[in-house]
């Protein structure tokens, strides 16, 4: 198990800095990261928690549509640029320091109890790894100390972190509940059933 600092009881019930609320869901391509984030978001939301998510990618690509108004606004030098519809708002923040993206995003996630990050293996905070033996690579947890748990239906050998089956979300939630940093913030009143 990864040694974690003791929980500071004085901050329970108070907003934590965004980096203190991050849990990264990591794993190689097609191992099930998005599926786990969706399941965790739904389960934690059903418990009354507000869960945010961030999709991180190492690839550089345009996420706006070239030629569209918002794209043209950005090309003209406006920053930030937002798109607002009746149901959704998107904000483009060019020039964010890639070493510290969560600083720029922090105001947007201030009301979240937990922020699930898909990917960003080198990002701050503990990681949950999703692993599939059939895809050929060994678990990342064999070489990393920051992986809190591995979620898999396979039986990896020699891993330090606990292993949870994909179908046992309750056990994984209990692991988060028992975590000395996240548990008191996530479940200040009740333990998951």
N, C-alpha and C. Protein backbone atom coordinates (compact mmCIF):
# COMPACT_ATOMS: atom_id res chain seq x y z
N UNK A 1 0.84 -1.18 0.00
CA UNK A 1 0.00 0.00 0.00
C UNK A 1 0.89 1.24 0.00
N UNK A 2 0.42 2.29 -0.65
CA UNK A 2 1.17 3.53 -0.75
C UNK A 2 1.05 4.28 0.57
N UNK A 3 2.17 4.70 1.19
CA UNK A 3 2.05 5.49 2.40
C UNK A 3 1.44 6.85 2.08
N UNK A 4 0.44 7.26 2.84
CA UNK A 4 -0.22 8.53 2.61
C UNK A 4 -0.12 9.37 3.87
N UNK A 5 -0.08 10.71 3.71
CA UNK A 5 -0.03 11.55 4.90
C UNK A 5 -1.34 11.46 5.66
N UNK A 6 -1.29 11.73 6.97
CA UNK A 6 -2.52 11.68 7.75
C UNK A 6 -3.48 12.76 7.29
N UNK A 7 -4.76 12.51 7.48
CA UNK A 7 -5.79 13.46 7.09
C UNK A 7 -5.79 14.64 8.04
N UNK A 8 -5.83 15.84 7.50
CA UNK A 8 -5.96 17.05 8.30
C UNK A 8 -7.44 17.26 8.60
N UNK A 9 -7.86 16.92 9.82
CA UNK A 9 -9.27 16.97 10.19
C UNK A 9 -9.84 18.38 10.14
N UNK A 10 -9.00 19.41 10.19
CA UNK A 10 -9.51 20.78 10.18
C UNK A 10 -10.09 21.18 8.84
N UNK A 11 -9.80 20.42 7.77
CA UNK A 11 -10.31 20.79 6.45
C UNK A 11 -11.53 19.99 6.04
N UNK A 12 -11.99 19.07 6.87
CA UNK A 12 -13.16 18.27 6.53
C UNK A 12 -14.36 19.20 6.37
N UNK A 13 -15.06 19.04 5.28
CA UNK A 13 -16.23 19.86 4.99
C UNK A 13 -15.89 21.19 4.33
N UNK A 14 -14.61 21.48 4.14
CA UNK A 14 -14.20 22.71 3.47
C UNK A 14 -13.68 22.36 2.09
N UNK A 15 -13.81 23.30 1.13
CA UNK A 15 -13.27 23.01 -0.20
C UNK A 15 -11.77 22.78 -0.14
N UNK A 16 -11.32 21.76 -0.82
CA UNK A 16 -9.89 21.47 -0.90
C UNK A 16 -9.36 22.02 -2.21
N UNK A 17 -8.06 22.32 -2.28
CA UNK A 17 -7.50 22.70 -3.57
C UNK A 17 -7.78 21.59 -4.58
N UNK A 18 -7.95 21.96 -5.84
CA UNK A 18 -8.33 20.98 -6.85
C UNK A 18 -7.37 19.79 -6.86
N UNK A 19 -6.07 20.04 -6.77
CA UNK A 19 -5.11 18.94 -6.84
C UNK A 19 -5.30 17.96 -5.69
N UNK A 20 -5.86 18.40 -4.58
CA UNK A 20 -6.10 17.50 -3.45
C UNK A 20 -7.36 16.67 -3.66
N UNK A 21 -8.12 16.95 -4.71
CA UNK A 21 -9.35 16.22 -4.98
C UNK A 21 -9.25 15.38 -6.26
N UNK A 22 -8.06 15.28 -6.82
CA UNK A 22 -7.88 14.53 -8.07
C UNK A 22 -7.64 13.06 -7.80
N UNK A 23 -8.30 12.22 -8.58
CA UNK A 23 -7.98 10.80 -8.66
C UNK A 23 -7.88 10.49 -10.14
N UNK A 24 -6.72 10.02 -10.55
CA UNK A 24 -6.49 9.70 -11.96
C UNK A 24 -6.88 8.25 -12.22
N UNK A 25 -7.60 8.04 -13.30
CA UNK A 25 -7.89 6.68 -13.76
C UNK A 25 -6.97 6.47 -14.96
N UNK A 26 -6.00 5.59 -14.77
CA UNK A 26 -4.96 5.40 -15.78
C UNK A 26 -4.98 3.98 -16.32
N UNK A 27 -4.28 3.80 -17.39
CA UNK A 27 -4.17 2.50 -18.04
C UNK A 27 -3.88 2.73 -19.51
N UNK A 28 -3.50 1.70 -20.15
CA UNK A 28 -3.21 1.84 -21.57
C UNK A 28 -4.50 1.91 -22.38
N UNK A 29 -4.35 2.20 -23.67
CA UNK A 29 -5.50 2.35 -24.55
C UNK A 29 -6.36 1.09 -24.58
N UNK A 30 -7.67 1.28 -24.52
CA UNK A 30 -8.67 0.20 -24.59
C UNK A 30 -8.69 -0.72 -23.36
N UNK A 31 -8.19 -0.23 -22.25
CA UNK A 31 -8.23 -1.04 -21.03
C UNK A 31 -9.47 -0.77 -20.19
N UNK A 32 -10.23 0.30 -20.49
CA UNK A 32 -11.49 0.53 -19.79
C UNK A 32 -11.54 1.75 -18.89
N UNK A 33 -10.69 2.73 -19.14
CA UNK A 33 -10.65 3.94 -18.29
C UNK A 33 -11.98 4.70 -18.33
N UNK A 34 -12.49 4.94 -19.50
CA UNK A 34 -13.74 5.71 -19.63
C UNK A 34 -14.89 4.99 -18.97
N UNK A 35 -14.96 3.69 -19.12
CA UNK A 35 -16.02 2.89 -18.51
C UNK A 35 -15.96 3.00 -16.99
N UNK A 36 -14.76 2.93 -16.41
CA UNK A 36 -14.63 3.04 -14.96
C UNK A 36 -15.01 4.44 -14.48
N UNK A 37 -14.58 5.48 -15.19
CA UNK A 37 -14.93 6.84 -14.78
C UNK A 37 -16.43 7.04 -14.81
N UNK A 38 -17.09 6.53 -15.85
CA UNK A 38 -18.56 6.66 -15.93
C UNK A 38 -19.22 5.95 -14.75
N UNK A 39 -18.75 4.75 -14.43
CA UNK A 39 -19.34 3.99 -13.32
C UNK A 39 -19.09 4.68 -11.98
N UNK A 40 -17.88 5.17 -11.76
CA UNK A 40 -17.57 5.87 -10.51
C UNK A 40 -18.38 7.16 -10.40
N UNK A 41 -18.49 7.90 -11.48
CA UNK A 41 -19.26 9.15 -11.47
C UNK A 41 -20.71 8.89 -11.09
N UNK A 42 -21.28 7.86 -11.68
CA UNK A 42 -22.68 7.53 -11.39
C UNK A 42 -22.85 7.08 -9.94
N UNK A 43 -21.97 6.20 -9.48
CA UNK A 43 -22.10 5.67 -8.12
C UNK A 43 -21.87 6.76 -7.06
N UNK A 44 -20.87 7.60 -7.27
CA UNK A 44 -20.60 8.66 -6.30
C UNK A 44 -21.69 9.73 -6.35
N UNK A 45 -22.18 10.02 -7.54
CA UNK A 45 -23.28 10.97 -7.67
C UNK A 45 -24.54 10.48 -6.98
N UNK A 46 -24.79 9.18 -7.04
CA UNK A 46 -25.96 8.60 -6.36
C UNK A 46 -25.83 8.72 -4.84
N UNK A 47 -24.62 8.89 -4.36
CA UNK A 47 -24.39 9.07 -2.92
C UNK A 47 -24.43 10.54 -2.52
N UNK A 48 -24.77 11.40 -3.48
CA UNK A 48 -24.89 12.83 -3.19
C UNK A 48 -23.62 13.63 -3.36
N UNK A 49 -22.60 13.02 -3.95
CA UNK A 49 -21.34 13.73 -4.15
C UNK A 49 -21.33 14.39 -5.53
N UNK A 50 -20.67 15.51 -5.61
CA UNK A 50 -20.52 16.19 -6.89
C UNK A 50 -19.17 15.79 -7.48
N UNK A 51 -19.22 15.14 -8.62
CA UNK A 51 -18.02 14.60 -9.25
C UNK A 51 -17.77 15.34 -10.57
N UNK A 52 -16.57 15.86 -10.74
CA UNK A 52 -16.16 16.45 -12.00
C UNK A 52 -15.23 15.49 -12.71
N UNK A 53 -15.01 15.72 -13.99
CA UNK A 53 -14.05 14.88 -14.70
C UNK A 53 -13.25 15.71 -15.70
N UNK A 54 -12.06 15.22 -15.96
CA UNK A 54 -11.15 15.83 -16.92
C UNK A 54 -10.63 14.70 -17.81
N UNK A 55 -10.66 14.90 -19.10
CA UNK A 55 -10.04 13.96 -20.05
C UNK A 55 -8.69 14.55 -20.43
N UNK A 56 -7.62 13.86 -20.08
CA UNK A 56 -6.28 14.33 -20.40
C UNK A 56 -5.73 13.51 -21.54
N UNK A 57 -5.04 14.17 -22.46
CA UNK A 57 -4.39 13.46 -23.54
C UNK A 57 -3.01 14.05 -23.77
N UNK A 58 -2.08 13.21 -24.13
CA UNK A 58 -0.73 13.67 -24.47
C UNK A 58 -0.66 14.13 -25.92
N UNK A 59 -1.69 13.80 -26.70
CA UNK A 59 -1.70 14.15 -28.12
C UNK A 59 -2.07 15.62 -28.30
N UNK A 60 -1.45 16.27 -29.26
CA UNK A 60 -1.78 17.65 -29.59
C UNK A 60 -2.74 17.61 -30.77
N UNK A 61 -3.94 18.14 -30.57
CA UNK A 61 -4.89 18.21 -31.66
C UNK A 61 -5.90 19.31 -31.40
N UNK A 62 -6.51 19.81 -32.43
CA UNK A 62 -7.49 20.88 -32.33
C UNK A 62 -8.80 20.30 -31.80
N UNK A 63 -9.34 20.90 -30.74
CA UNK A 63 -10.60 20.40 -30.19
C UNK A 63 -11.78 21.27 -30.60
N UNK A 64 -11.51 22.36 -31.29
CA UNK A 64 -12.57 23.20 -31.85
C UNK A 64 -12.68 22.87 -33.33
N UNK A 65 -13.69 23.41 -33.98
CA UNK A 65 -13.89 23.15 -35.41
C UNK A 65 -13.31 24.29 -36.22
N UNK A 66 -12.24 24.03 -36.98
CA UNK A 66 -11.65 25.10 -37.80
C UNK A 66 -12.70 25.76 -38.70
N UNK A 67 -12.64 27.09 -38.73
CA UNK A 67 -13.56 27.86 -39.55
C UNK A 67 -14.82 28.31 -38.82
N UNK A 68 -15.17 27.65 -37.72
CA UNK A 68 -16.35 28.04 -36.96
C UNK A 68 -16.06 29.32 -36.17
N UNK A 69 -17.13 29.96 -35.69
CA UNK A 69 -16.99 31.26 -35.02
C UNK A 69 -16.02 31.22 -33.85
N UNK A 70 -16.17 30.25 -32.96
CA UNK A 70 -15.30 30.20 -31.78
C UNK A 70 -13.84 30.00 -32.19
N UNK A 71 -13.61 29.20 -33.20
CA UNK A 71 -12.26 28.99 -33.72
C UNK A 71 -11.70 30.31 -34.24
N UNK A 72 -12.51 31.03 -34.99
CA UNK A 72 -12.07 32.32 -35.56
C UNK A 72 -11.80 33.34 -34.46
N UNK A 73 -12.62 33.32 -33.40
CA UNK A 73 -12.37 34.22 -32.27
C UNK A 73 -10.99 33.97 -31.69
N UNK A 74 -10.67 32.70 -31.50
CA UNK A 74 -9.36 32.34 -30.94
C UNK A 74 -8.24 32.73 -31.88
N UNK A 75 -8.43 32.49 -33.16
CA UNK A 75 -7.40 32.84 -34.14
C UNK A 75 -7.14 34.34 -34.16
N UNK A 76 -8.16 35.12 -33.83
CA UNK A 76 -8.03 36.58 -33.80
C UNK A 76 -7.39 37.08 -32.51
N UNK A 77 -7.18 36.19 -31.54
CA UNK A 77 -6.49 36.57 -30.32
C UNK A 77 -7.33 36.62 -29.07
N UNK A 78 -8.63 36.36 -29.15
CA UNK A 78 -9.45 36.37 -27.95
C UNK A 78 -9.06 35.19 -27.05
N UNK A 79 -9.00 35.46 -25.75
CA UNK A 79 -8.63 34.41 -24.81
C UNK A 79 -9.06 34.82 -23.41
N UNK A 80 -9.88 34.03 -22.73
CA UNK A 80 -10.46 32.76 -23.18
C UNK A 80 -11.61 33.00 -24.15
N UNK A 81 -12.04 31.93 -24.77
CA UNK A 81 -13.20 31.94 -25.66
C UNK A 81 -14.18 30.91 -25.13
N UNK A 82 -15.45 31.29 -25.07
CA UNK A 82 -16.47 30.38 -24.57
C UNK A 82 -17.56 30.20 -25.62
N UNK A 83 -18.12 29.01 -25.64
CA UNK A 83 -19.32 28.72 -26.44
C UNK A 83 -20.42 28.42 -25.45
N UNK A 84 -21.56 29.08 -25.61
CA UNK A 84 -22.66 28.90 -24.68
C UNK A 84 -23.91 28.53 -25.47
N UNK A 85 -24.54 27.42 -25.08
CA UNK A 85 -25.81 27.02 -25.67
C UNK A 85 -26.82 26.92 -24.53
N UNK A 86 -28.04 26.56 -24.86
CA UNK A 86 -29.07 26.42 -23.84
C UNK A 86 -28.75 25.29 -22.86
N UNK A 87 -27.93 24.31 -23.27
CA UNK A 87 -27.68 23.14 -22.42
C UNK A 87 -26.22 22.92 -22.05
N UNK A 88 -25.30 23.61 -22.69
CA UNK A 88 -23.89 23.30 -22.47
C UNK A 88 -23.03 24.53 -22.69
N UNK A 89 -21.95 24.64 -21.92
CA UNK A 89 -20.98 25.71 -22.08
C UNK A 89 -19.60 25.08 -22.20
N UNK A 90 -18.84 25.56 -23.15
CA UNK A 90 -17.46 25.09 -23.33
C UNK A 90 -16.55 26.31 -23.28
N UNK A 91 -15.39 26.16 -22.63
CA UNK A 91 -14.44 27.26 -22.52
C UNK A 91 -13.11 26.78 -23.09
N UNK A 92 -12.55 27.55 -23.98
CA UNK A 92 -11.23 27.26 -24.54
C UNK A 92 -10.22 28.16 -23.84
N UNK A 93 -9.21 27.56 -23.24
CA UNK A 93 -8.19 28.28 -22.49
C UNK A 93 -6.81 28.04 -23.11
N UNK A 94 -6.47 28.76 -24.16
CA UNK A 94 -5.14 28.55 -24.75
C UNK A 94 -4.06 29.10 -23.83
N UNK A 95 -2.89 28.54 -23.95
CA UNK A 95 -1.75 29.03 -23.21
C UNK A 95 -1.65 28.54 -21.78
N UNK A 96 -2.43 27.54 -21.39
CA UNK A 96 -2.35 26.98 -20.04
C UNK A 96 -1.04 26.21 -19.92
N UNK A 97 -0.35 26.41 -18.82
CA UNK A 97 0.91 25.72 -18.57
C UNK A 97 0.64 24.21 -18.51
N UNK A 98 1.16 23.42 -19.44
CA UNK A 98 0.88 21.98 -19.46
C UNK A 98 1.41 21.24 -18.23
N UNK A 99 2.33 21.87 -17.50
CA UNK A 99 2.84 21.24 -16.28
C UNK A 99 1.88 21.45 -15.11
N UNK A 100 0.99 22.48 -15.21
CA UNK A 100 0.07 22.79 -14.12
C UNK A 100 -1.33 23.13 -14.66
N UNK A 101 -1.95 22.25 -15.42
CA UNK A 101 -3.25 22.60 -16.01
C UNK A 101 -4.36 22.74 -14.97
N UNK A 102 -4.22 22.08 -13.83
CA UNK A 102 -5.30 22.09 -12.84
C UNK A 102 -5.43 23.44 -12.14
N UNK A 103 -4.37 24.23 -12.14
CA UNK A 103 -4.47 25.58 -11.59
C UNK A 103 -5.47 26.40 -12.41
N UNK A 104 -5.40 26.31 -13.72
CA UNK A 104 -6.32 27.07 -14.57
C UNK A 104 -7.74 26.54 -14.48
N UNK A 105 -7.89 25.24 -14.27
CA UNK A 105 -9.22 24.63 -14.22
C UNK A 105 -9.87 24.72 -12.84
N UNK A 106 -9.09 24.99 -11.83
CA UNK A 106 -9.57 24.93 -10.46
C UNK A 106 -10.87 25.71 -10.20
N UNK A 107 -11.04 26.94 -10.68
CA UNK A 107 -12.30 27.64 -10.42
C UNK A 107 -13.52 26.92 -10.98
N UNK A 108 -13.35 26.21 -12.08
CA UNK A 108 -14.47 25.51 -12.71
C UNK A 108 -14.89 24.27 -11.91
N UNK A 109 -13.99 23.75 -11.08
CA UNK A 109 -14.25 22.53 -10.32
C UNK A 109 -14.36 22.80 -8.81
N UNK A 110 -14.50 24.06 -8.43
CA UNK A 110 -14.49 24.43 -7.02
C UNK A 110 -15.59 23.75 -6.22
N UNK A 111 -16.72 23.47 -6.84
CA UNK A 111 -17.84 22.87 -6.10
C UNK A 111 -17.81 21.34 -6.11
N UNK A 112 -16.80 20.75 -6.72
CA UNK A 112 -16.72 19.29 -6.81
C UNK A 112 -16.08 18.68 -5.56
N UNK A 113 -16.64 17.57 -5.12
CA UNK A 113 -16.06 16.82 -4.02
C UNK A 113 -14.85 16.01 -4.48
N UNK A 114 -14.89 15.59 -5.73
CA UNK A 114 -13.85 14.76 -6.30
C UNK A 114 -13.77 15.05 -7.79
N UNK A 115 -12.57 15.03 -8.35
CA UNK A 115 -12.38 15.22 -9.79
C UNK A 115 -11.66 13.98 -10.32
N UNK A 116 -12.34 13.25 -11.19
CA UNK A 116 -11.76 12.07 -11.82
C UNK A 116 -11.06 12.51 -13.11
N UNK A 117 -9.81 12.15 -13.24
CA UNK A 117 -9.02 12.52 -14.42
C UNK A 117 -8.76 11.25 -15.21
N UNK A 118 -9.19 11.24 -16.46
CA UNK A 118 -8.87 10.10 -17.33
C UNK A 118 -7.49 10.33 -17.91
N UNK A 119 -6.56 9.52 -17.47
CA UNK A 119 -5.19 9.64 -17.94
C UNK A 119 -4.35 10.55 -17.07
N UNK A 120 -3.36 11.16 -17.69
CA UNK A 120 -2.37 12.05 -17.06
C UNK A 120 -1.57 11.28 -16.00
N UNK A 121 -0.91 10.26 -16.49
CA UNK A 121 -0.13 9.37 -15.65
C UNK A 121 0.88 10.12 -14.78
N UNK A 122 1.44 11.19 -15.31
CA UNK A 122 2.44 11.95 -14.56
C UNK A 122 1.82 13.09 -13.77
N UNK A 123 0.50 13.20 -13.76
CA UNK A 123 -0.16 14.27 -13.03
C UNK A 123 -0.15 14.04 -11.53
N UNK A 124 -0.47 15.09 -10.77
CA UNK A 124 -0.44 14.99 -9.31
C UNK A 124 -1.60 14.15 -8.78
N UNK A 125 -1.34 13.40 -7.74
CA UNK A 125 -2.41 12.65 -7.09
C UNK A 125 -2.34 11.16 -7.34
N UNK A 126 -3.11 10.43 -6.54
CA UNK A 126 -3.12 8.97 -6.66
C UNK A 126 -3.82 8.52 -7.93
N UNK A 127 -3.51 7.29 -8.33
CA UNK A 127 -4.05 6.73 -9.56
C UNK A 127 -4.78 5.42 -9.26
N UNK A 128 -5.84 5.19 -10.04
CA UNK A 128 -6.49 3.89 -10.11
C UNK A 128 -6.15 3.36 -11.49
N UNK A 129 -5.58 2.18 -11.56
CA UNK A 129 -5.22 1.62 -12.86
C UNK A 129 -6.28 0.62 -13.31
N UNK A 130 -6.65 0.71 -14.60
CA UNK A 130 -7.51 -0.29 -15.22
C UNK A 130 -6.60 -1.11 -16.12
N UNK A 131 -6.68 -2.45 -15.98
CA UNK A 131 -5.74 -3.30 -16.71
C UNK A 131 -6.44 -4.52 -17.29
N UNK A 132 -6.05 -4.87 -18.51
CA UNK A 132 -6.53 -6.08 -19.19
C UNK A 132 -5.32 -6.90 -19.65
N UNK A 133 -5.20 -8.10 -19.12
CA UNK A 133 -4.08 -8.98 -19.48
C UNK A 133 -4.06 -9.30 -20.97
N UNK A 134 -5.23 -9.47 -21.57
CA UNK A 134 -5.32 -9.88 -22.98
C UNK A 134 -4.68 -8.87 -23.93
N UNK A 135 -4.49 -7.63 -23.49
CA UNK A 135 -3.91 -6.62 -24.37
C UNK A 135 -2.39 -6.61 -24.33
N UNK A 136 -1.80 -7.48 -23.50
CA UNK A 136 -0.38 -7.79 -23.61
C UNK A 136 0.62 -7.06 -22.73
N UNK A 137 0.34 -5.86 -22.30
CA UNK A 137 1.31 -5.12 -21.49
C UNK A 137 1.14 -5.44 -20.01
N UNK A 138 2.23 -5.38 -19.24
CA UNK A 138 2.11 -5.60 -17.79
C UNK A 138 1.40 -4.40 -17.14
N UNK A 139 0.86 -4.58 -15.96
CA UNK A 139 0.24 -3.46 -15.26
C UNK A 139 1.26 -2.35 -15.00
N UNK A 140 0.80 -1.11 -15.09
CA UNK A 140 1.67 0.02 -14.78
C UNK A 140 2.11 -0.04 -13.32
N UNK A 141 1.27 -0.61 -12.47
CA UNK A 141 1.55 -0.69 -11.03
C UNK A 141 2.81 -1.51 -10.73
N UNK A 142 3.30 -2.30 -11.68
CA UNK A 142 4.53 -3.05 -11.43
C UNK A 142 5.73 -2.12 -11.33
N UNK A 143 5.61 -0.91 -11.89
CA UNK A 143 6.75 0.01 -11.92
C UNK A 143 6.46 1.36 -11.27
N UNK A 144 5.28 1.53 -10.70
CA UNK A 144 4.91 2.84 -10.13
C UNK A 144 4.45 2.69 -8.69
N UNK A 145 4.77 3.70 -7.89
CA UNK A 145 4.39 3.70 -6.48
C UNK A 145 3.13 4.53 -6.21
N UNK A 146 2.63 5.26 -7.21
CA UNK A 146 1.50 6.16 -6.99
C UNK A 146 0.16 5.57 -7.41
N UNK A 147 0.12 4.27 -7.66
CA UNK A 147 -1.13 3.62 -8.04
C UNK A 147 -1.78 3.06 -6.78
N UNK A 148 -2.96 3.57 -6.48
CA UNK A 148 -3.68 3.22 -5.25
C UNK A 148 -4.30 1.84 -5.34
N UNK A 149 -4.81 1.48 -6.53
CA UNK A 149 -5.48 0.19 -6.71
C UNK A 149 -5.49 -0.15 -8.20
N UNK A 150 -5.66 -1.44 -8.49
CA UNK A 150 -5.76 -1.92 -9.87
C UNK A 150 -7.14 -2.56 -10.03
N UNK A 151 -7.82 -2.19 -11.10
CA UNK A 151 -9.14 -2.73 -11.41
C UNK A 151 -8.98 -3.64 -12.62
N UNK A 152 -9.28 -4.93 -12.43
CA UNK A 152 -9.09 -5.91 -13.50
C UNK A 152 -9.87 -7.18 -13.17
N UNK A 153 -10.20 -7.93 -14.19
CA UNK A 153 -10.79 -9.25 -13.99
C UNK A 153 -9.73 -10.34 -14.13
N UNK A 154 -8.50 -9.92 -14.38
CA UNK A 154 -7.39 -10.86 -14.49
C UNK A 154 -6.71 -10.98 -13.13
N UNK A 155 -5.72 -11.83 -13.05
CA UNK A 155 -5.03 -12.06 -11.78
C UNK A 155 -3.56 -11.68 -11.90
N UNK A 156 -3.25 -10.39 -11.81
CA UNK A 156 -1.85 -9.99 -11.90
C UNK A 156 -1.08 -10.46 -10.66
N UNK A 157 0.17 -10.81 -10.88
CA UNK A 157 0.98 -11.30 -9.77
C UNK A 157 1.98 -10.23 -9.33
N UNK A 158 2.27 -10.23 -8.05
CA UNK A 158 3.33 -9.39 -7.52
C UNK A 158 3.02 -7.90 -7.45
N UNK A 159 1.76 -7.53 -7.36
CA UNK A 159 1.43 -6.12 -7.27
C UNK A 159 1.32 -5.69 -5.81
N UNK A 160 1.84 -4.51 -5.51
CA UNK A 160 1.70 -3.97 -4.15
C UNK A 160 0.30 -3.44 -3.88
N UNK A 161 -0.31 -2.68 -4.81
CA UNK A 161 -1.65 -2.16 -4.50
C UNK A 161 -2.71 -3.25 -4.56
N UNK A 162 -3.85 -3.05 -3.88
CA UNK A 162 -4.92 -4.03 -3.95
C UNK A 162 -5.52 -4.13 -5.35
N UNK A 163 -6.09 -5.28 -5.66
CA UNK A 163 -6.71 -5.54 -6.96
C UNK A 163 -8.20 -5.74 -6.74
N UNK A 164 -9.01 -5.06 -7.57
CA UNK A 164 -10.46 -5.16 -7.47
C UNK A 164 -11.04 -5.63 -8.79
N UNK A 165 -12.03 -6.53 -8.78
CA UNK A 165 -12.68 -6.94 -10.02
C UNK A 165 -13.47 -5.79 -10.62
N UNK A 166 -13.57 -5.78 -11.93
CA UNK A 166 -14.31 -4.73 -12.62
C UNK A 166 -15.76 -4.65 -12.14
N UNK A 167 -16.35 -5.78 -11.82
CA UNK A 167 -17.75 -5.82 -11.44
C UNK A 167 -18.02 -5.49 -9.98
N UNK A 168 -16.98 -5.23 -9.18
CA UNK A 168 -17.17 -4.97 -7.76
C UNK A 168 -16.83 -3.52 -7.44
N UNK A 169 -17.68 -2.63 -7.91
CA UNK A 169 -17.47 -1.21 -7.70
C UNK A 169 -17.54 -0.85 -6.22
N UNK A 170 -18.37 -1.57 -5.47
CA UNK A 170 -18.50 -1.30 -4.03
C UNK A 170 -17.17 -1.49 -3.30
N UNK A 171 -16.42 -2.51 -3.67
CA UNK A 171 -15.12 -2.74 -3.02
C UNK A 171 -14.15 -1.61 -3.35
N UNK A 172 -14.18 -1.14 -4.58
CA UNK A 172 -13.31 -0.03 -4.97
C UNK A 172 -13.72 1.24 -4.23
N UNK A 173 -15.03 1.47 -4.10
CA UNK A 173 -15.49 2.65 -3.36
C UNK A 173 -15.09 2.55 -1.89
N UNK A 174 -15.10 1.36 -1.34
CA UNK A 174 -14.64 1.18 0.04
C UNK A 174 -13.16 1.51 0.17
N UNK A 175 -12.39 1.16 -0.85
CA UNK A 175 -10.96 1.49 -0.85
C UNK A 175 -10.79 3.01 -0.81
N UNK A 176 -11.57 3.72 -1.61
CA UNK A 176 -11.51 5.18 -1.58
C UNK A 176 -11.98 5.72 -0.23
N UNK A 177 -13.03 5.10 0.30
CA UNK A 177 -13.54 5.54 1.61
C UNK A 177 -12.48 5.39 2.68
N UNK A 178 -11.73 4.30 2.65
CA UNK A 178 -10.71 4.03 3.67
C UNK A 178 -9.42 4.81 3.46
N UNK A 179 -9.30 5.48 2.32
CA UNK A 179 -8.11 6.25 2.02
C UNK A 179 -8.00 7.41 3.02
N UNK A 180 -6.84 7.59 3.67
CA UNK A 180 -6.74 8.61 4.72
C UNK A 180 -6.94 10.04 4.27
N UNK A 181 -6.71 10.34 3.00
CA UNK A 181 -6.90 11.70 2.50
C UNK A 181 -8.29 11.89 1.92
N UNK A 182 -8.74 10.96 1.08
CA UNK A 182 -10.02 11.13 0.40
C UNK A 182 -11.22 10.73 1.23
N UNK A 183 -11.10 9.69 2.03
CA UNK A 183 -12.24 9.18 2.76
C UNK A 183 -13.03 10.22 3.53
N UNK A 184 -12.37 11.01 4.40
CA UNK A 184 -13.13 12.00 5.17
C UNK A 184 -13.80 13.06 4.29
N UNK A 185 -13.20 13.39 3.16
CA UNK A 185 -13.82 14.39 2.27
C UNK A 185 -15.00 13.79 1.51
N UNK A 186 -14.85 12.55 1.08
CA UNK A 186 -15.88 11.95 0.26
C UNK A 186 -17.07 11.46 1.05
N UNK A 187 -16.81 10.95 2.23
CA UNK A 187 -17.87 10.34 3.02
C UNK A 187 -17.83 10.87 4.45
N UNK A 188 -18.06 12.17 4.63
CA UNK A 188 -17.95 12.70 5.99
C UNK A 188 -19.03 12.19 6.92
N UNK A 189 -20.16 11.70 6.40
CA UNK A 189 -21.26 11.29 7.25
C UNK A 189 -21.53 9.79 7.23
N UNK A 190 -21.45 9.19 6.06
CA UNK A 190 -21.82 7.78 5.97
C UNK A 190 -20.83 7.01 5.12
N UNK A 191 -20.68 5.78 5.43
CA UNK A 191 -19.86 4.86 4.65
C UNK A 191 -20.70 4.29 3.53
N UNK A 192 -20.13 4.05 2.33
CA UNK A 192 -20.93 3.44 1.26
C UNK A 192 -21.45 2.07 1.66
N UNK A 193 -22.64 1.75 1.22
CA UNK A 193 -23.24 0.46 1.55
C UNK A 193 -23.11 -0.49 0.40
